[in-house]
């Protein structure tokens, strides 16, 4: 049973904008911590941003140009990133943690060209 489905990746021009979506299964969306992670080639996976309730948190490199949001009705999580740069190239993963259980999406490739 697929719990998380990302969309919105692809080839992005630097200086443009990036918007990722993650459709989350109904039974794991509410009262959960929802996050975006990314993994660049040859690097460890890193947390980009999280939202839990009305509280958001961002990695330093994403602060000021990224917004994580969620639609509680549609059960979708979003990541908006402005002015993406080549160093933002990575596979982006949707992540949910609820009651000690963790769920990962399959990932979506984002490539930012200079």
C-alpha atoms as a PDB file:
ATOM      1  CA  UNK A   1       0.000   0.000   0.000  1.00  0.00           C
ATOM      2  CA  UNK A   2       1.518   3.266  -1.147  1.00  0.00           C
ATOM      3  CA  UNK A   3       1.437   5.824   1.640  1.00  0.00           C
ATOM      4  CA  UNK A   4       3.321   8.763   0.132  1.00  0.00           C
ATOM      5  CA  UNK A   5       3.517   9.927  -3.470  1.00  0.00           C
ATOM      6  CA  UNK A   6       5.730  12.825  -4.489  1.00  0.00           C
ATOM      7  CA  UNK A   7       5.387  14.895  -7.628  1.00  0.00           C
ATOM      8  CA  UNK A   8       6.753  18.091  -9.097  1.00  0.00           C
ATOM      9  CA  UNK A   9      10.401  17.271  -9.679  1.00  0.00           C
ATOM     10  CA  UNK A  10      12.302  17.608 -12.913  1.00  0.00           C
ATOM     11  CA  UNK A  11      14.700  20.030 -14.558  1.00  0.00           C
ATOM     12  CA  UNK A  12      14.568  23.518 -13.070  1.00  0.00           C
ATOM     13  CA  UNK A  13      16.390  26.655 -14.159  1.00  0.00           C
ATOM     14  CA  UNK A  14      18.398  28.285 -11.406  1.00  0.00           C
ATOM     15  CA  UNK A  15      16.782  31.434 -10.140  1.00  0.00           C
ATOM     16  CA  UNK A  16      13.326  30.123 -10.917  1.00  0.00           C
ATOM     17  CA  UNK A  17      11.087  28.329  -8.482  1.00  0.00           C
ATOM     18  CA  UNK A  18      10.458  24.784  -7.387  1.00  0.00           C
ATOM     19  CA  UNK A  19       7.246  23.326  -6.027  1.00  0.00           C
ATOM     20  CA  UNK A  20       6.984  19.768  -4.824  1.00  0.00           C
ATOM     21  CA  UNK A  21       3.860  17.994  -3.670  1.00  0.00           C
ATOM     22  CA  UNK A  22       3.381  14.890  -1.572  1.00  0.00           C
ATOM     23  CA  UNK A  23       0.039  13.135  -1.374  1.00  0.00           C
ATOM     24  CA  UNK A  24      -0.178  11.444   2.018  1.00  0.00           C
ATOM     25  CA  UNK A  25      -2.437   8.558   2.959  1.00  0.00           C
ATOM     26  CA  UNK A  26      -5.354   9.699   5.067  1.00  0.00           C
ATOM     27  CA  UNK A  27      -4.566   7.456   8.032  1.00  0.00           C
ATOM     28  CA  UNK A  28      -1.074   8.852   8.557  1.00  0.00           C
ATOM     29  CA  UNK A  29      -1.529  12.539   7.718  1.00  0.00           C
ATOM     30  CA  UNK A  30      -3.231  13.954  10.796  1.00  0.00           C
ATOM     31  CA  UNK A  31      -1.299  14.538  14.031  1.00  0.00           C
ATOM     32  CA  UNK A  32       1.969  13.700  12.309  1.00  0.00           C
ATOM     33  CA  UNK A  33       5.317  15.284  11.657  1.00  0.00           C
ATOM     34  CA  UNK A  34       5.656  15.856   7.922  1.00  0.00           C
ATOM     35  CA  UNK A  35       9.051  16.538   6.384  1.00  0.00           C
ATOM     36  CA  UNK A  36      10.965  16.927   3.181  1.00  0.00           C
ATOM     37  CA  UNK A  37      14.399  15.353   2.925  1.00  0.00           C
ATOM     38  CA  UNK A  38      16.844  15.367   0.059  1.00  0.00           C
ATOM     39  CA  UNK A  39      19.878  13.398  -0.976  1.00  0.00           C
ATOM     40  CA  UNK A  40      22.432  14.762  -3.406  1.00  0.00           C
ATOM     41  CA  UNK A  41      24.818  12.454  -5.279  1.00  0.00           C
ATOM     42  CA  UNK A  42      27.562  11.235  -2.986  1.00  0.00           C
ATOM     43  CA  UNK A  43      26.057  12.925   0.064  1.00  0.00           C
ATOM     44  CA  UNK A  44      24.021  11.850   3.037  1.00  0.00           C
ATOM     45  CA  UNK A  45      20.309  12.399   3.121  1.00  0.00           C
ATOM     46  CA  UNK A  46      19.474  15.657   4.875  1.00  0.00           C
ATOM     47  CA  UNK A  47      16.314  17.106   6.294  1.00  0.00           C
ATOM     48  CA  UNK A  48      15.149  20.201   4.409  1.00  0.00           C
ATOM     49  CA  UNK A  49      12.020  21.217   6.282  1.00  0.00           C
ATOM     50  CA  UNK A  50       9.367  19.845   8.612  1.00  0.00           C
ATOM     51  CA  UNK A  51       5.907  20.839   9.729  1.00  0.00           C
ATOM     52  CA  UNK A  52       4.051  19.579  12.770  1.00  0.00           C
ATOM     53  CA  UNK A  53       0.758  21.252  13.468  1.00  0.00           C
ATOM     54  CA  UNK A  54       1.471  24.934  12.927  1.00  0.00           C
ATOM     55  CA  UNK A  55       5.178  24.694  13.674  1.00  0.00           C
ATOM     56  CA  UNK A  56       7.713  24.656  10.867  1.00  0.00           C
ATOM     57  CA  UNK A  57      11.452  24.089  10.866  1.00  0.00           C
ATOM     58  CA  UNK A  58      14.034  24.524   8.111  1.00  0.00           C
ATOM     59  CA  UNK A  59      17.617  23.578   7.494  1.00  0.00           C
ATOM     60  CA  UNK A  60      19.798  26.687   7.374  1.00  0.00           C
ATOM     61  CA  UNK A  61      20.419  26.425   3.627  1.00  0.00           C
ATOM     62  CA  UNK A  62      16.679  26.494   2.948  1.00  0.00           C
ATOM     63  CA  UNK A  63      15.684  29.248   5.365  1.00  0.00           C
ATOM     64  CA  UNK A  64      14.385  32.414   3.808  1.00  0.00           C
ATOM     65  CA  UNK A  65      13.741  30.891   0.390  1.00  0.00           C
ATOM     66  CA  UNK A  66      11.693  27.802   1.175  1.00  0.00           C
ATOM     67  CA  UNK A  67       8.208  27.226   2.509  1.00  0.00           C
ATOM     68  CA  UNK A  68       6.757  23.972   3.717  1.00  0.00           C
ATOM     69  CA  UNK A  69       2.989  23.825   3.862  1.00  0.00           C
ATOM     70  CA  UNK A  70       0.209  21.303   4.176  1.00  0.00           C
ATOM     71  CA  UNK A  71      -3.394  21.092   3.117  1.00  0.00           C
ATOM     72  CA  UNK A  72      -5.281  19.387   5.910  1.00  0.00           C
ATOM     73  CA  UNK A  73      -8.311  18.779   3.723  1.00  0.00           C
ATOM     74  CA  UNK A  74      -6.545  17.382   0.668  1.00  0.00           C
ATOM     75  CA  UNK A  75      -3.878  15.604   2.783  1.00  0.00           C
ATOM     76  CA  UNK A  76      -1.086  17.033   0.681  1.00  0.00           C
ATOM     77  CA  UNK A  77       2.228  18.473   1.784  1.00  0.00           C
ATOM     78  CA  UNK A  78       4.133  21.015  -0.303  1.00  0.00           C
ATOM     79  CA  UNK A  79       7.607  22.410  -0.563  1.00  0.00           C
ATOM     80  CA  UNK A  80       8.069  25.713  -2.342  1.00  0.00           C
ATOM     81  CA  UNK A  81      11.641  26.793  -2.976  1.00  0.00           C
ATOM     82  CA  UNK A  82      12.501  30.103  -4.558  1.00  0.00           C
ATOM     83  CA  UNK A  83      15.736  30.847  -6.365  1.00  0.00           C
ATOM     84  CA  UNK A  84      16.935  27.237  -6.497  1.00  0.00           C
ATOM     85  CA  UNK A  85      20.607  26.751  -7.226  1.00  0.00           C
ATOM     86  CA  UNK A  86      22.590  23.866  -8.717  1.00  0.00           C
ATOM     87  CA  UNK A  87      23.552  22.778  -5.202  1.00  0.00           C
ATOM     88  CA  UNK A  88      19.859  22.083  -4.563  1.00  0.00           C
ATOM     89  CA  UNK A  89      20.042  19.262  -7.099  1.00  0.00           C
ATOM     90  CA  UNK A  90      19.013  16.078  -5.309  1.00  0.00           C
ATOM     91  CA  UNK A  91      16.383  13.428  -4.943  1.00  0.00           C
ATOM     92  CA  UNK A  92      13.704  14.891  -2.693  1.00  0.00           C
ATOM     93  CA  UNK A  93      11.800  12.605  -0.369  1.00  0.00           C
ATOM     94  CA  UNK A  94       8.561  13.025   1.482  1.00  0.00           C
ATOM     95  CA  UNK A  95       8.652  11.705   5.063  1.00  0.00           C
ATOM     96  CA  UNK A  96       6.028  11.190   7.725  1.00  0.00           C
ATOM     97  CA  UNK A  97       6.482  10.184  11.342  1.00  0.00           C
ATOM     98  CA  UNK A  98       3.470   9.214  13.370  1.00  0.00           C
ATOM     99  CA  UNK A  99       3.386   7.431  16.721  1.00  0.00           C
ATOM    100  CA  UNK A 100       6.950   6.244  16.310  1.00  0.00           C
ATOM    101  CA  UNK A 101       6.405   4.850  12.834  1.00  0.00           C
ATOM    102  CA  UNK A 102       8.185   6.332   9.828  1.00  0.00           C
ATOM    103  CA  UNK A 103       7.102   6.425   6.219  1.00  0.00           C
ATOM    104  CA  UNK A 104       9.073   7.438   3.125  1.00  0.00           C
ATOM    105  CA  UNK A 105       8.048   8.340  -0.377  1.00  0.00           C
ATOM    106  CA  UNK A 106       9.826   6.954  -3.389  1.00  0.00           C
ATOM    107  CA  UNK A 107      11.587  10.245  -4.096  1.00  0.00           C
ATOM    108  CA  UNK A 108      11.479  12.693  -6.944  1.00  0.00           C
ATOM    109  CA  UNK A 109      14.542  13.928  -8.799  1.00  0.00           C
ATOM    110  CA  UNK A 110      15.154  17.653  -8.901  1.00  0.00           C
ATOM    111  CA  UNK A 111      17.916  18.933 -11.153  1.00  0.00           C
ATOM    112  CA  UNK A 112      18.732  22.631 -11.109  1.00  0.00           C
ATOM    113  CA  UNK A 113      20.659  23.885 -14.103  1.00  0.00           C
ATOM    114  CA  UNK A 114      22.831  26.970 -14.004  1.00  0.00           C
END
